[in-house]
Amino acid sequence: MAALIVFTTVPAEQAQRLATALLEQHLVACVNVLPGVRSLYHWEGRIESTEESLLLLKCSNDGYPQLQSALQALHPYEVPEIIAVPISAGLPAYLNWVEQNCRGGEPIGAASV
């Protein structure tokens, strides 16, 4: 069972739409939305500051390429932050739930995340 946590930041008003779209496509098993993130970054020669939401997306390793493609297509930014970090350990039942819910198959039950 190989799973990833994928980080992306989005404008706060678009977080729910993006999370729902990825869940409906079974590209992620779970999305945590952390509102009120202030991002400072270089963009086109200036330092920018933006109020955003951070999305923590849980997906299967095998499903990551499809998630990345969908996220790029749905994301409002020209160059979105998409960073995947492997989950090296975790509750086996939870990791199995992530795997099962990221393949477009039948979900195997709810998990508290």
PDB file of N, CA and C in Angstrom:
ATOM      1  N   MET A   1       0.843  -1.183   0.000  1.00  0.00           N
ATOM      2  CA  MET A   1       0.000   0.000   0.000  1.00  0.00           C
ATOM      3  C   MET A   1       0.886   1.242   0.000  1.00  0.00           C
ATOM      4  N   ALA A   2       0.955   1.901  -1.115  1.00  0.00           N
ATOM      5  CA  ALA A   2       1.741   3.128  -1.213  1.00  0.00           C
ATOM      6  C   ALA A   2       0.780   4.299  -1.358  1.00  0.00           C
ATOM      7  N   ALA A   3       0.904   5.245  -0.448  1.00  0.00           N
ATOM      8  CA  ALA A   3       0.018   6.407  -0.476  1.00  0.00           C
ATOM      9  C   ALA A   3       0.859   7.680  -0.380  1.00  0.00           C
ATOM     10  N   LEU A   4       0.254   8.770  -0.820  1.00  0.00           N
ATOM     11  CA  LEU A   4       0.909  10.069  -0.830  1.00  0.00           C
ATOM     12  C   LEU A   4       0.027  11.107  -0.160  1.00  0.00           C
ATOM     13  N   ILE A   5       0.654  12.140   0.372  1.00  0.00           N
ATOM     14  CA  ILE A   5      -0.041  13.370   0.739  1.00  0.00           C
ATOM     15  C   ILE A   5       0.415  14.404  -0.269  1.00  0.00           C
ATOM     16  N   VAL A   6      -0.531  15.029  -0.937  1.00  0.00           N
ATOM     17  CA  VAL A   6      -0.229  16.036  -1.947  1.00  0.00           C
ATOM     18  C   VAL A   6      -0.681  17.382  -1.401  1.00  0.00           C
ATOM     19  N   PHE A   7       0.214  18.355  -1.457  1.00  0.00           N
ATOM     20  CA  PHE A   7      -0.057  19.707  -0.987  1.00  0.00           C
ATOM     21  C   PHE A   7      -0.342  20.603  -2.185  1.00  0.00           C
ATOM     22  N   THR A   8      -1.351  21.437  -2.062  1.00  0.00           N
ATOM     23  CA  THR A   8      -1.583  22.492  -3.035  1.00  0.00           C
ATOM     24  C   THR A   8      -2.264  23.652  -2.322  1.00  0.00           C
ATOM     25  N   THR A   9      -1.980  24.863  -2.764  1.00  0.00           N
ATOM     26  CA  THR A   9      -2.659  26.037  -2.233  1.00  0.00           C
ATOM     27  C   THR A   9      -3.550  26.612  -3.313  1.00  0.00           C
ATOM     28  N   VAL A  10      -4.704  27.116  -2.896  1.00  0.00           N
ATOM     29  CA  VAL A  10      -5.681  27.674  -3.830  1.00  0.00           C
ATOM     30  C   VAL A  10      -6.327  28.903  -3.208  1.00  0.00           C
ATOM     31  N   PRO A  11      -6.902  29.777  -4.050  1.00  0.00           N
ATOM     32  CA  PRO A  11      -7.689  30.867  -3.477  1.00  0.00           C
ATOM     33  C   PRO A  11      -8.792  30.272  -2.591  1.00  0.00           C
ATOM     34  N   ALA A  12      -8.997  30.865  -1.428  1.00  0.00           N
ATOM     35  CA  ALA A  12      -9.927  30.314  -0.440  1.00  0.00           C
ATOM     36  C   ALA A  12     -11.302  30.017  -1.019  1.00  0.00           C
ATOM     37  N   GLU A  13     -11.792  30.892  -1.891  1.00  0.00           N
ATOM     38  CA  GLU A  13     -13.143  30.705  -2.427  1.00  0.00           C
ATOM     39  C   GLU A  13     -13.237  29.548  -3.415  1.00  0.00           C
ATOM     40  N   GLN A  14     -12.122  28.970  -3.822  1.00  0.00           N
ATOM     41  CA  GLN A  14     -12.141  27.866  -4.780  1.00  0.00           C
ATOM     42  C   GLN A  14     -11.787  26.514  -4.160  1.00  0.00           C
ATOM     43  N   ALA A  15     -11.453  26.499  -2.881  1.00  0.00           N
ATOM     44  CA  ALA A  15     -11.008  25.268  -2.222  1.00  0.00           C
ATOM     45  C   ALA A  15     -12.081  24.174  -2.253  1.00  0.00           C
ATOM     46  N   GLN A  16     -13.305  24.503  -1.901  1.00  0.00           N
ATOM     47  CA  GLN A  16     -14.382  23.515  -1.857  1.00  0.00           C
ATOM     48  C   GLN A  16     -14.658  22.938  -3.245  1.00  0.00           C
ATOM     49  N   ARG A  17     -14.699  23.783  -4.256  1.00  0.00           N
ATOM     50  CA  ARG A  17     -14.964  23.337  -5.624  1.00  0.00           C
ATOM     51  C   ARG A  17     -13.887  22.363  -6.097  1.00  0.00           C
ATOM     52  N   LEU A  18     -12.642  22.704  -5.867  1.00  0.00           N
ATOM     53  CA  LEU A  18     -11.538  21.869  -6.311  1.00  0.00           C
ATOM     54  C   LEU A  18     -11.528  20.537  -5.562  1.00  0.00           C
ATOM     55  N   ALA A  19     -11.686  20.583  -4.247  1.00  0.00           N
ATOM     56  CA  ALA A  19     -11.704  19.358  -3.439  1.00  0.00           C
ATOM     57  C   ALA A  19     -12.834  18.433  -3.871  1.00  0.00           C
ATOM     58  N   THR A  20     -14.017  18.983  -4.074  1.00  0.00           N
ATOM     59  CA  THR A  20     -15.166  18.175  -4.476  1.00  0.00           C
ATOM     60  C   THR A  20     -14.948  17.531  -5.838  1.00  0.00           C
ATOM     61  N   ALA A  21     -14.411  18.279  -6.787  1.00  0.00           N
ATOM     62  CA  ALA A  21     -14.162  17.737  -8.129  1.00  0.00           C
ATOM     63  C   ALA A  21     -13.196  16.552  -8.077  1.00  0.00           C
ATOM     64  N   LEU A  22     -12.145  16.659  -7.280  1.00  0.00           N
ATOM     65  CA  LEU A  22     -11.170  15.571  -7.180  1.00  0.00           C
ATOM     66  C   LEU A  22     -11.762  14.354  -6.473  1.00  0.00           C
ATOM     67  N   LEU A  23     -12.594  14.583  -5.466  1.00  0.00           N
ATOM     68  CA  LEU A  23     -13.264  13.476  -4.781  1.00  0.00           C
ATOM     69  C   LEU A  23     -14.261  12.781  -5.701  1.00  0.00           C
ATOM     70  N   GLU A  24     -15.020  13.548  -6.457  1.00  0.00           N
ATOM     71  CA  GLU A  24     -16.012  12.953  -7.369  1.00  0.00           C
ATOM     72  C   GLU A  24     -15.360  12.071  -8.423  1.00  0.00           C
ATOM     73  N   GLN A  25     -14.138  12.393  -8.814  1.00  0.00           N
ATOM     74  CA  GLN A  25     -13.414  11.596  -9.807  1.00  0.00           C
ATOM     75  C   GLN A  25     -12.642  10.436  -9.170  1.00  0.00           C
ATOM     76  N   HIS A  26     -12.752  10.269  -7.870  1.00  0.00           N
ATOM     77  CA  HIS A  26     -12.027   9.241  -7.106  1.00  0.00           C
ATOM     78  C   HIS A  26     -10.525   9.324  -7.328  1.00  0.00           C
ATOM     79  N   LEU A  27     -10.015  10.552  -7.457  1.00  0.00           N
ATOM     80  CA  LEU A  27      -8.579  10.767  -7.577  1.00  0.00           C
ATOM     81  C   LEU A  27      -7.935  10.926  -6.209  1.00  0.00           C
ATOM     82  N   VAL A  28      -8.737  11.248  -5.212  1.00  0.00           N
ATOM     83  CA  VAL A  28      -8.289  11.360  -3.829  1.00  0.00           C
ATOM     84  C   VAL A  28      -9.300  10.675  -2.929  1.00  0.00           C
ATOM     85  N   ALA A  29      -8.821  10.200  -1.794  1.00  0.00           N
ATOM     86  CA  ALA A  29      -9.718   9.582  -0.817  1.00  0.00           C
ATOM     87  C   ALA A  29     -10.226  10.602   0.182  1.00  0.00           C
ATOM     88  N   CYS A  30      -9.431  11.637   0.400  1.00  0.00           N
ATOM     89  CA  CYS A  30      -9.744  12.610   1.448  1.00  0.00           C
ATOM     90  C   CYS A  30      -9.037  13.916   1.130  1.00  0.00           C
ATOM     91  N   VAL A  31      -9.683  15.018   1.483  1.00  0.00           N
ATOM     92  CA  VAL A  31      -9.060  16.333   1.349  1.00  0.00           C
ATOM     93  C   VAL A  31      -9.279  17.090   2.656  1.00  0.00           C
ATOM     94  N   ASN A  32      -8.190  17.562   3.243  1.00  0.00           N
ATOM     95  CA  ASN A  32      -8.280  18.469   4.383  1.00  0.00           C
ATOM     96  C   ASN A  32      -8.077  19.877   3.847  1.00  0.00           C
ATOM     97  N   VAL A  33      -8.979  20.787   4.220  1.00  0.00           N
ATOM     98  CA  VAL A  33      -8.897  22.179   3.791  1.00  0.00           C
ATOM     99  C   VAL A  33      -8.482  23.005   5.002  1.00  0.00           C
ATOM    100  N   LEU A  34      -7.320  23.621   4.897  1.00  0.00           N
ATOM    101  CA  LEU A  34      -6.814  24.473   5.972  1.00  0.00           C
ATOM    102  C   LEU A  34      -6.929  25.918   5.499  1.00  0.00           C
ATOM    103  N   PRO A  35      -7.948  26.634   5.968  1.00  0.00           N
ATOM    104  CA  PRO A  35      -8.157  28.016   5.523  1.00  0.00           C
ATOM    105  C   PRO A  35      -7.189  28.971   6.211  1.00  0.00           C
ATOM    106  N   GLY A  36      -7.125  30.172   5.687  1.00  0.00           N
ATOM    107  CA  GLY A  36      -6.377  31.235   6.335  1.00  0.00           C
ATOM    108  C   GLY A  36      -4.873  31.137   6.206  1.00  0.00           C
ATOM    109  N   VAL A  37      -4.389  30.549   5.124  1.00  0.00           N
ATOM    110  CA  VAL A  37      -2.954  30.449   4.886  1.00  0.00           C
ATOM    111  C   VAL A  37      -2.506  31.694   4.132  1.00  0.00           C
ATOM    112  N   ARG A  38      -1.489  32.352   4.628  1.00  0.00           N
ATOM    113  CA  ARG A  38      -0.914  33.502   3.928  1.00  0.00           C
ATOM    114  C   ARG A  38       0.335  33.015   3.223  1.00  0.00           C
ATOM    115  N   SER A  39       0.359  33.110   1.888  1.00  0.00           N
ATOM    116  CA  SER A  39       1.507  32.689   1.087  1.00  0.00           C
ATOM    117  C   SER A  39       2.241  33.914   0.571  1.00  0.00           C
ATOM    118  N   LEU A  40       3.550  33.906   0.727  1.00  0.00           N
ATOM    119  CA  LEU A  40       4.414  34.943   0.167  1.00  0.00           C
ATOM    120  C   LEU A  40       5.350  34.237  -0.803  1.00  0.00           C
ATOM    121  N   TYR A  41       5.506  34.796  -2.004  1.00  0.00           N
ATOM    122  CA  TYR A  41       6.267  34.099  -3.028  1.00  0.00           C
ATOM    123  C   TYR A  41       6.742  35.077  -4.097  1.00  0.00           C
ATOM    124  N   HIS A  42       7.746  34.644  -4.848  1.00  0.00           N
ATOM    125  CA  HIS A  42       8.221  35.412  -5.994  1.00  0.00           C
ATOM    126  C   HIS A  42       7.326  35.096  -7.188  1.00  0.00           C
ATOM    127  N   TRP A  43       6.884  36.122  -7.893  1.00  0.00           N
ATOM    128  CA  TRP A  43       6.118  35.914  -9.126  1.00  0.00           C
ATOM    129  C   TRP A  43       6.362  37.100 -10.057  1.00  0.00           C
ATOM    130  N   GLU A  44       6.858  36.807 -11.241  1.00  0.00           N
ATOM    131  CA  GLU A  44       7.097  37.807 -12.281  1.00  0.00           C
ATOM    132  C   GLU A  44       7.880  39.008 -11.752  1.00  0.00           C
ATOM    133  N   GLY A  45       8.976  38.709 -11.026  1.00  0.00           N
ATOM    134  CA  GLY A  45       9.889  39.750 -10.576  1.00  0.00           C
ATOM    135  C   GLY A  45       9.476  40.504  -9.328  1.00  0.00           C
ATOM    136  N   ARG A  46       8.366  40.116  -8.705  1.00  0.00           N
ATOM    137  CA  ARG A  46       7.899  40.798  -7.498  1.00  0.00           C
ATOM    138  C   ARG A  46       7.664  39.784  -6.385  1.00  0.00           C
ATOM    139  N   ILE A  47       7.624  40.285  -5.169  1.00  0.00           N
ATOM    140  CA  ILE A  47       7.196  39.446  -4.052  1.00  0.00           C
ATOM    141  C   ILE A  47       5.706  39.670  -3.872  1.00  0.00           C
ATOM    142  N   GLU A  48       4.953  38.589  -3.948  1.00  0.00           N
ATOM    143  CA  GLU A  48       3.495  38.626  -3.817  1.00  0.00           C
ATOM    144  C   GLU A  48       3.088  38.089  -2.451  1.00  0.00           C
ATOM    145  N   SER A  49       1.907  38.472  -2.008  1.00  0.00           N
ATOM    146  CA  SER A  49       1.316  37.984  -0.766  1.00  0.00           C
ATOM    147  C   SER A  49      -0.152  37.708  -1.040  1.00  0.00           C
ATOM    148  N   THR A  50      -0.574  36.467  -0.773  1.00  0.00           N
ATOM    149  CA  THR A  50      -1.934  36.051  -1.105  1.00  0.00           C
ATOM    150  C   THR A  50      -2.543  35.264   0.049  1.00  0.00           C
ATOM    151  N   GLU A  51      -3.819  35.513   0.326  1.00  0.00           N
ATOM    152  CA  GLU A  51      -4.587  34.733   1.299  1.00  0.00           C
ATOM    153  C   GLU A  51      -5.134  33.506   0.569  1.00  0.00           C
ATOM    154  N   GLU A  52      -4.827  32.314   1.081  1.00  0.00           N
ATOM    155  CA  GLU A  52      -5.202  31.072   0.395  1.00  0.00           C
ATOM    156  C   GLU A  52      -5.705  30.035   1.387  1.00  0.00           C
ATOM    157  N   SER A  53      -6.119  28.903   0.837  1.00  0.00           N
ATOM    158  CA  SER A  53      -6.374  27.694   1.618  1.00  0.00           C
ATOM    159  C   SER A  53      -5.359  26.655   1.186  1.00  0.00           C
ATOM    160  N   LEU A  54      -4.890  25.868   2.144  1.00  0.00           N
ATOM    161  CA  LEU A  54      -3.986  24.761   1.855  1.00  0.00           C
ATOM    162  C   LEU A  54      -4.813  23.492   1.805  1.00  0.00           C
ATOM    163  N   LEU A  55      -4.692  22.742   0.713  1.00  0.00           N
ATOM    164  CA  LEU A  55      -5.369  21.459   0.596  1.00  0.00           C
ATOM    165  C   LEU A  55      -4.352  20.353   0.828  1.00  0.00           C
ATOM    166  N   LEU A  56      -4.690  19.423   1.714  1.00  0.00           N
ATOM    167  CA  LEU A  56      -3.907  18.214   1.928  1.00  0.00           C
ATOM    168  C   LEU A  56      -4.705  17.075   1.311  1.00  0.00           C
ATOM    169  N   LEU A  57      -4.213  16.562   0.206  1.00  0.00           N
ATOM    170  CA  LEU A  57      -4.907  15.539  -0.563  1.00  0.00           C
ATOM    171  C   LEU A  57      -4.270  14.184  -0.295  1.00  0.00           C
ATOM    172  N   LYS A  58      -5.056  13.172   0.017  1.00  0.00           N
ATOM    173  CA  LYS A  58      -4.530  11.827   0.207  1.00  0.00           C
ATOM    174  C   LYS A  58      -4.881  10.992  -1.006  1.00  0.00           C
ATOM    175  N   CYS A  59      -3.851  10.393  -1.643  1.00  0.00           N
ATOM    176  CA  CYS A  59      -4.081   9.605  -2.854  1.00  0.00           C
ATOM    177  C   CYS A  59      -3.159   8.393  -2.876  1.00  0.00           C
ATOM    178  N   SER A  60      -3.467   7.475  -3.778  1.00  0.00           N
ATOM    179  CA  SER A  60      -2.597   6.320  -3.967  1.00  0.00           C
ATOM    180  C   SER A  60      -1.412   6.728  -4.834  1.00  0.00           C
ATOM    181  N   ASN A  61      -0.315   6.057  -4.639  1.00  0.00           N
ATOM    182  CA  ASN A  61       0.876   6.303  -5.440  1.00  0.00           C
ATOM    183  C   ASN A  61       0.579   6.053  -6.920  1.00  0.00           C
ATOM    184  N   ASP A  62      -0.127   4.974  -7.206  1.00  0.00           N
ATOM    185  CA  ASP A  62      -0.463   4.629  -8.596  1.00  0.00           C
ATOM    186  C   ASP A  62      -1.348   5.676  -9.251  1.00  0.00           C
ATOM    187  N   GLY A  63      -2.209   6.318  -8.471  1.00  0.00           N
ATOM    188  CA  GLY A  63      -3.134   7.295  -9.024  1.00  0.00           C
ATOM    189  C   GLY A  63      -2.587   8.708  -9.129  1.00  0.00           C
ATOM    190  N   TYR A  64      -1.351   8.921  -8.654  1.00  0.00           N
ATOM    191  CA  TYR A  64      -0.812  10.276  -8.650  1.00  0.00           C
ATOM    192  C   TYR A  64      -0.739  10.931 -10.025  1.00  0.00           C
ATOM    193  N   PRO A  65      -0.284  10.249 -11.072  1.00  0.00           N
ATOM    194  CA  PRO A  65      -0.224  10.931 -12.375  1.00  0.00           C
ATOM    195  C   PRO A  65      -1.576  11.499 -12.827  1.00  0.00           C
ATOM    196  N   GLN A  66      -2.652  10.751 -12.601  1.00  0.00           N
ATOM    197  CA  GLN A  66      -3.977  11.243 -12.969  1.00  0.00           C
ATOM    198  C   GLN A  66      -4.391  12.416 -12.088  1.00  0.00           C
ATOM    199  N   LEU A  67      -4.052  12.354 -10.804  1.00  0.00           N
ATOM    200  CA  LEU A  67      -4.354  13.459  -9.901  1.00  0.00           C
ATOM    201  C   LEU A  67      -3.614  14.716 -10.327  1.00  0.00           C
ATOM    202  N   GLN A  68      -2.347  14.577 -10.630  1.00  0.00           N
ATOM    203  CA  GLN A  68      -1.569  15.744 -11.045  1.00  0.00           C
ATOM    204  C   GLN A  68      -2.152  16.377 -12.302  1.00  0.00           C
ATOM    205  N   SER A  69      -2.520  15.559 -13.275  1.00  0.00           N
ATOM    206  CA  SER A  69      -3.109  16.082 -14.519  1.00  0.00           C
ATOM    207  C   SER A  69      -4.415  16.818 -14.244  1.00  0.00           C
ATOM    208  N   ALA A  70      -5.274  16.210 -13.441  1.00  0.00           N
ATOM    209  CA  ALA A  70      -6.562  16.836 -13.124  1.00  0.00           C
ATOM    210  C   ALA A  70      -6.364  18.118 -12.334  1.00  0.00           C
ATOM    211  N   LEU A  71      -5.442  18.091 -11.393  1.00  0.00           N
ATOM    212  CA  LEU A  71      -5.185  19.267 -10.567  1.00  0.00           C
ATOM    213  C   LEU A  71      -4.669  20.424 -11.422  1.00  0.00           C
ATOM    214  N   GLN A  72      -3.779  20.136 -12.351  1.00  0.00           N
ATOM    215  CA  GLN A  72      -3.296  21.179 -13.253  1.00  0.00           C
ATOM    216  C   GLN A  72      -4.425  21.749 -14.097  1.00  0.00           C
ATOM    217  N   ALA A  73      -5.305  20.894 -14.581  1.00  0.00           N
ATOM    218  CA  ALA A  73      -6.408  21.339 -15.435  1.00  0.00           C
ATOM    219  C   ALA A  73      -7.436  22.165 -14.663  1.00  0.00           C
ATOM    220  N   LEU A  74      -7.703  21.799 -13.415  1.00  0.00           N
ATOM    221  CA  LEU A  74      -8.740  22.460 -12.615  1.00  0.00           C
ATOM    222  C   LEU A  74      -8.237  23.673 -11.849  1.00  0.00           C
ATOM    223  N   HIS A  75      -6.954  23.732 -11.606  1.00  0.00           N
ATOM    224  CA  HIS A  75      -6.380  24.762 -10.742  1.00  0.00           C
ATOM    225  C   HIS A  75      -6.391  26.122 -11.431  1.00  0.00           C
ATOM    226  N   PRO A  76      -6.720  27.188 -10.704  1.00  0.00           N
ATOM    227  CA  PRO A  76      -6.787  28.509 -11.331  1.00  0.00           C
ATOM    228  C   PRO A  76      -5.421  29.152 -11.582  1.00  0.00           C
ATOM    229  N   TYR A  77      -4.353  28.637 -10.974  1.00  0.00           N
ATOM    230  CA  TYR A  77      -3.036  29.265 -11.120  1.00  0.00           C
ATOM    231  C   TYR A  77      -2.316  28.753 -12.364  1.00  0.00           C
ATOM    232  N   GLU A  78      -1.535  29.622 -12.960  1.00  0.00           N
ATOM    233  CA  GLU A  78      -0.725  29.260 -14.124  1.00  0.00           C
ATOM    234  C   GLU A  78       0.302  28.183 -13.762  1.00  0.00           C
ATOM    235  N   VAL A  79       0.934  28.336 -12.607  1.00  0.00           N
ATOM    236  CA  VAL A  79       1.906  27.360 -12.105  1.00  0.00           C
ATOM    237  C   VAL A  79       1.496  27.000 -10.672  1.00  0.00           C
ATOM    238  N   PRO A  80       0.609  26.018 -10.521  1.00  0.00           N
ATOM    239  CA  PRO A  80       0.142  25.677  -9.179  1.00  0.00           C
ATOM    240  C   PRO A  80       1.200  24.932  -8.374  1.00  0.00           C
ATOM    241  N   GLU A  81       1.147  25.132  -7.073  1.00  0.00           N
ATOM    242  CA  GLU A  81       1.957  24.325  -6.159  1.00  0.00           C
ATOM    243  C   GLU A  81       1.340  22.936  -6.117  1.00  0.00           C
ATOM    244  N   ILE A  82       2.095  21.941  -6.541  1.00  0.00           N
ATOM    245  CA  ILE A  82       1.673  20.548  -6.435  1.00  0.00           C
ATOM    246  C   ILE A  82       2.895  19.785  -5.937  1.00  0.00           C
ATOM    247  N   ILE A  83       2.865  19.392  -4.673  1.00  0.00           N
ATOM    248  CA  ILE A  83       3.993  18.717  -4.047  1.00  0.00           C
ATOM    249  C   ILE A  83       3.478  17.421  -3.425  1.00  0.00           C
ATOM    250  N   ALA A  84       4.073  16.298  -3.823  1.00  0.00           N
ATOM    251  CA  ALA A  84       3.676  14.999  -3.295  1.00  0.00           C
ATOM    252  C   ALA A  84       4.739  14.481  -2.338  1.00  0.00           C
ATOM    253  N   VAL A  85       4.288  14.004  -1.190  1.00  0.00           N
ATOM    254  CA  VAL A  85       5.178  13.467  -0.164  1.00  0.00           C
ATOM    255  C   VAL A  85       4.717  12.047   0.147  1.00  0.00           C
ATOM    256  N   PRO A  86       5.628  11.074   0.094  1.00  0.00           N
ATOM    257  CA  PRO A  86       5.216   9.699   0.406  1.00  0.00           C
ATOM    258  C   PRO A  86       4.880   9.538   1.882  1.00  0.00           C
ATOM    259  N   ILE A  87       3.895   8.714   2.151  1.00  0.00           N
ATOM    260  CA  ILE A  87       3.550   8.340   3.523  1.00  0.00           C
ATOM    261  C   ILE A  87       4.367   7.091   3.834  1.00  0.00           C
ATOM    262  N   SER A  88       5.331   7.218   4.737  1.00  0.00           N
ATOM    263  CA  SER A  88       6.233   6.101   5.018  1.00  0.00           C
ATOM    264  C   SER A  88       5.640   5.092   6.000  1.00  0.00           C
ATOM    265  N   ALA A  89       4.688   5.523   6.807  1.00  0.00           N
ATOM    266  CA  ALA A  89       4.052   4.628   7.769  1.00  0.00           C
ATOM    267  C   ALA A  89       2.687   5.196   8.122  1.00  0.00           C
ATOM    268  N   GLY A  90       1.799   4.320   8.548  1.00  0.00           N
ATOM    269  CA  GLY A  90       0.464   4.742   8.952  1.00  0.00           C
ATOM    270  C   GLY A  90      -0.380   3.544   9.304  1.00  0.00           C
ATOM    271  N   LEU A  91      -1.546   3.798   9.810  1.00  0.00           N
ATOM    272  CA  LEU A  91      -2.469   2.727  10.153  1.00  0.00           C
ATOM    273  C   LEU A  91      -2.801   1.939   8.889  1.00  0.00           C
ATOM    274  N   PRO A  92      -2.511   0.647   8.834  1.00  0.00           N
ATOM    275  CA  PRO A  92      -2.758  -0.121   7.614  1.00  0.00           C
ATOM    276  C   PRO A  92      -4.198  -0.027   7.105  1.00  0.00           C
ATOM    277  N   ALA A  93      -5.168  -0.044   8.003  1.00  0.00           N
ATOM    278  CA  ALA A  93      -6.565   0.050   7.563  1.00  0.00           C
ATOM    279  C   ALA A  93      -6.834   1.387   6.873  1.00  0.00           C
ATOM    280  N   TYR A  94      -6.243   2.473   7.385  1.00  0.00           N
ATOM    281  CA  TYR A  94      -6.428   3.784   6.761  1.00  0.00           C
ATOM    282  C   TYR A  94      -5.758   3.828   5.399  1.00  0.00           C
ATOM    283  N   LEU A  95      -4.538   3.334   5.311  1.00  0.00           N
ATOM    284  CA  LEU A  95      -3.825   3.348   4.031  1.00  0.00           C
ATOM    285  C   LEU A  95      -4.539   2.484   2.992  1.00  0.00           C
ATOM    286  N   ASN A  96      -5.126   1.377   3.427  1.00  0.00           N
ATOM    287  CA  ASN A  96      -5.923   0.535   2.524  1.00  0.00           C
ATOM    288  C   ASN A  96      -7.156   1.301   2.056  1.00  0.00           C
ATOM    289  N   TRP A  97      -7.796   2.028   2.951  1.00  0.00           N
ATOM    290  CA  TRP A  97      -8.962   2.842   2.600  1.00  0.00           C
ATOM    291  C   TRP A  97      -8.584   3.898   1.556  1.00  0.00           C
ATOM    292  N   VAL A  98      -7.428   4.548   1.737  1.00  0.00           N
ATOM    293  CA  VAL A  98      -6.963   5.524   0.749  1.00  0.00           C
ATOM    294  C   VAL A  98      -6.799   4.849  -0.605  1.00  0.00           C
ATOM    295  N   GLU A  99      -6.101   3.721  -0.626  1.00  0.00           N
ATOM    296  CA  GLU A  99      -5.868   2.989  -1.883  1.00  0.00           C
ATOM    297  C   GLU A  99      -7.186   2.625  -2.572  1.00  0.00           C
ATOM    298  N   GLN A 100      -8.121   2.103  -1.816  1.00  0.00           N
ATOM    299  CA  GLN A 100      -9.403   1.658  -2.388  1.00  0.00           C
ATOM    300  C   GLN A 100     -10.245   2.818  -2.916  1.00  0.00           C
ATOM    301  N   ASN A 101     -10.111   3.976  -2.333  1.00  0.00           N
ATOM    302  CA  ASN A 101     -10.946   5.111  -2.718  1.00  0.00           C
ATOM    303  C   ASN A 101     -10.292   6.036  -3.733  1.00  0.00           C
ATOM    304  N   CYS A 102      -9.172   5.630  -4.274  1.00  0.00           N
ATOM    305  CA  CYS A 102      -8.470   6.442  -5.279  1.00  0.00           C
ATOM    306  C   CYS A 102      -8.372   5.734  -6.616  1.00  0.00           C
ATOM    307  N   ARG A 103      -9.168   4.761  -6.848  1.00  0.00           N
ATOM    308  CA  ARG A 103      -9.062   3.992  -8.079  1.00  0.00           C
ATOM    309  C   ARG A 103     -10.337   4.031  -8.902  1.00  0.00           C
ATOM    310  N   GLY A 104     -11.273   4.850  -8.517  1.00  0.00           N
ATOM    311  CA  GLY A 104     -12.519   4.920  -9.268  1.00  0.00           C
ATOM    312  C   GLY A 104     -13.443   3.748  -8.992  1.00  0.00           C
ATOM    313  N   GLY A 105     -13.079   2.906  -8.030  1.00  0.00           N
ATOM    314  CA  GLY A 105     -13.898   1.754  -7.704  1.00  0.00           C
ATOM    315  C   GLY A 105     -14.914   2.071  -6.643  1.00  0.00           C
ATOM    316  N   GLU A 106     -15.467   1.033  -6.070  1.00  0.00           N
ATOM    317  CA  GLU A 106     -16.450   1.211  -5.014  1.00  0.00           C
ATOM    318  C   GLU A 106     -15.762   1.626  -3.723  1.00  0.00           C
ATOM    319  N   PRO A 107     -16.181   2.731  -3.100  1.00  0.00           N
ATOM    320  CA  PRO A 107     -15.605   3.110  -1.813  1.00  0.00           C
ATOM    321  C   PRO A 107     -15.845   2.020  -0.779  1.00  0.00           C
ATOM    322  N   ILE A 108     -14.901   1.862   0.164  1.00  0.00           N
ATOM    323  CA  ILE A 108     -15.027   0.773   1.148  1.00  0.00           C
ATOM    324  C   ILE A 108     -15.393   1.274   2.530  1.00  0.00           C
ATOM    325  N   GLY A 109     -16.072   2.381   2.618  1.00  0.00           N
ATOM    326  CA  GLY A 109     -16.527   2.840   3.928  1.00  0.00           C
ATOM    327  C   GLY A 109     -15.870   4.142   4.317  1.00  0.00           C
ATOM    328  N   ALA A 110     -16.469   4.775   5.278  1.00  0.00           N
ATOM    329  CA  ALA A 110     -15.986   6.078   5.727  1.00  0.00           C
ATOM    330  C   ALA A 110     -14.880   5.902   6.742  1.00  0.00           C
ATOM    331  N   ALA A 111     -14.008   6.865   6.751  1.00  0.00           N
ATOM    332  CA  ALA A 111     -12.950   6.904   7.750  1.00  0.00           C
ATOM    333  C   ALA A 111     -12.940   8.283   8.373  1.00  0.00           C
ATOM    334  N   SER A 112     -12.631   8.355   9.607  1.00  0.00           N
ATOM    335  CA  SER A 112     -12.481   9.633  10.264  1.00  0.00           C
ATOM    336  C   SER A 112     -11.069  10.128  10.012  1.00  0.00           C
ATOM    337  N   VAL A 113     -10.966  11.302   9.397  1.00  0.00           N
ATOM    338  CA  VAL A 113      -9.638  11.825   9.071  1.00  0.00           C
ATOM    339  C   VAL A 113      -9.407  13.163   9.712  1.00  0.00           C
TER     340      VAL A 113
END
